[in-house]
Structure formats: structure tokens, C-alpha cells
Amino acid sequence: MQATIGDRICIRGTHVESADRHGEVVEVRGEDGAPPYLVRFDDGHETLVYPGTDAVIEHSAA
């Protein structure tokens, strides 16, 4: 998985009633776009993310 600053990340809910979480990659801490990523989620929460198989990167058009 590779990302750049400005890409969007979607982490799928793992349970039936869990909503997906969406956010923006604000910092890439791994080499060559590799995780971990500092992500600002749409609710304003920022956290360091090591994405698993439930995550999808949506690359920005830039």
C-alpha cells in the first residue's frame, strides 16, 4: 500500500453496525509512500494509522 499527502483513506467497518471511516492522509512516515500515515478523519480526529486489509487508499488527482 502506498499513499501521498492529500490522498483519502477509507477504513471499512469490521462489524455489521460499524460505519466506514474516511479521512485525509496529512503525513506519510514510511519510505516511498509506505505506512504508517498520519490521518485526519472527517470528524476532526487525527491518529497514526497502520492500514490493514480493510483499508483502501483513494489517490488524489494531483
Protein backbone atom coordinates (compact mmCIF):
# COMPACT_ATOMS: atom_id res chain seq x y z
CA MET A 1 0.00 0.00 0.00
CA GLN A 2 1.30 3.43 -0.94
CA ALA A 3 -0.09 6.90 -0.35
CA THR A 4 0.88 10.53 -0.72
CA ILE A 5 -0.19 13.59 1.23
CA GLY A 6 -3.71 14.57 0.22
CA ASP A 7 -4.88 11.05 -0.62
CA ARG A 8 -8.08 9.86 1.01
CA ILE A 9 -8.28 6.69 3.07
CA CYS A 10 -11.39 4.62 3.73
CA ILE A 11 -11.33 2.06 6.51
CA ARG A 12 -14.24 -0.33 6.22
CA GLY A 13 -16.31 -1.09 9.30
CA THR A 14 -15.49 -4.51 10.68
CA HIS A 15 -18.92 -5.24 12.14
CA VAL A 16 -22.41 -5.09 10.67
CA GLU A 17 -23.32 -1.90 12.54
CA SER A 18 -19.88 -0.24 12.20
CA ALA A 19 -19.68 2.68 9.79
CA ASP A 20 -16.78 3.16 7.42
CA ARG A 21 -14.23 5.81 8.47
CA HIS A 22 -12.96 8.32 5.93
CA GLY A 23 -10.03 10.68 6.24
CA GLU A 24 -7.19 12.51 4.55
CA VAL A 25 -3.54 11.48 4.68
CA VAL A 26 -1.73 14.51 6.16
CA GLU A 27 1.70 12.90 6.64
CA VAL A 28 3.45 9.82 5.26
CA ARG A 29 6.02 8.43 7.71
CA GLY A 30 7.15 5.34 5.82
CA GLU A 31 9.60 5.18 2.94
CA ASP A 32 8.34 5.65 -0.63
CA GLY A 33 4.73 6.19 0.42
CA ALA A 34 4.55 3.20 2.76
CA PRO A 35 2.69 3.25 6.10
CA PRO A 36 2.33 4.48 8.74
CA TYR A 37 0.21 7.50 7.84
CA LEU A 38 -0.95 10.39 9.94
CA VAL A 39 -4.64 10.67 9.05
CA ARG A 40 -7.15 13.42 9.80
CA PHE A 41 -10.54 11.77 9.81
CA ASP A 42 -13.65 13.62 8.69
CA ASP A 43 -14.73 14.05 12.33
CA GLY A 44 -11.51 16.03 13.01
CA HIS A 45 -9.71 13.25 14.90
CA GLU A 46 -6.05 12.73 13.91
CA THR A 47 -4.20 9.49 14.51
CA LEU A 48 -1.32 7.38 13.21
CA VAL A 49 -2.67 4.59 11.00
CA TYR A 50 -1.08 1.30 10.01
CA PRO A 51 -3.71 0.24 7.44
CA GLY A 52 -4.80 -3.35 7.22
CA THR A 53 -6.72 -5.27 4.60
CA ASP A 54 -9.86 -3.33 5.49
CA ALA A 55 -8.38 -0.03 4.20
CA VAL A 56 -8.49 1.48 0.72
CA ILE A 57 -6.41 4.44 -0.49
CA GLU A 58 -8.17 6.81 -2.90
CA HIS A 59 -5.39 8.70 -4.69
CA SER A 60 -5.82 12.43 -5.24
CA ALA A 61 -5.95 13.80 -8.77
CA ALA A 62 -2.86 15.96 -8.19
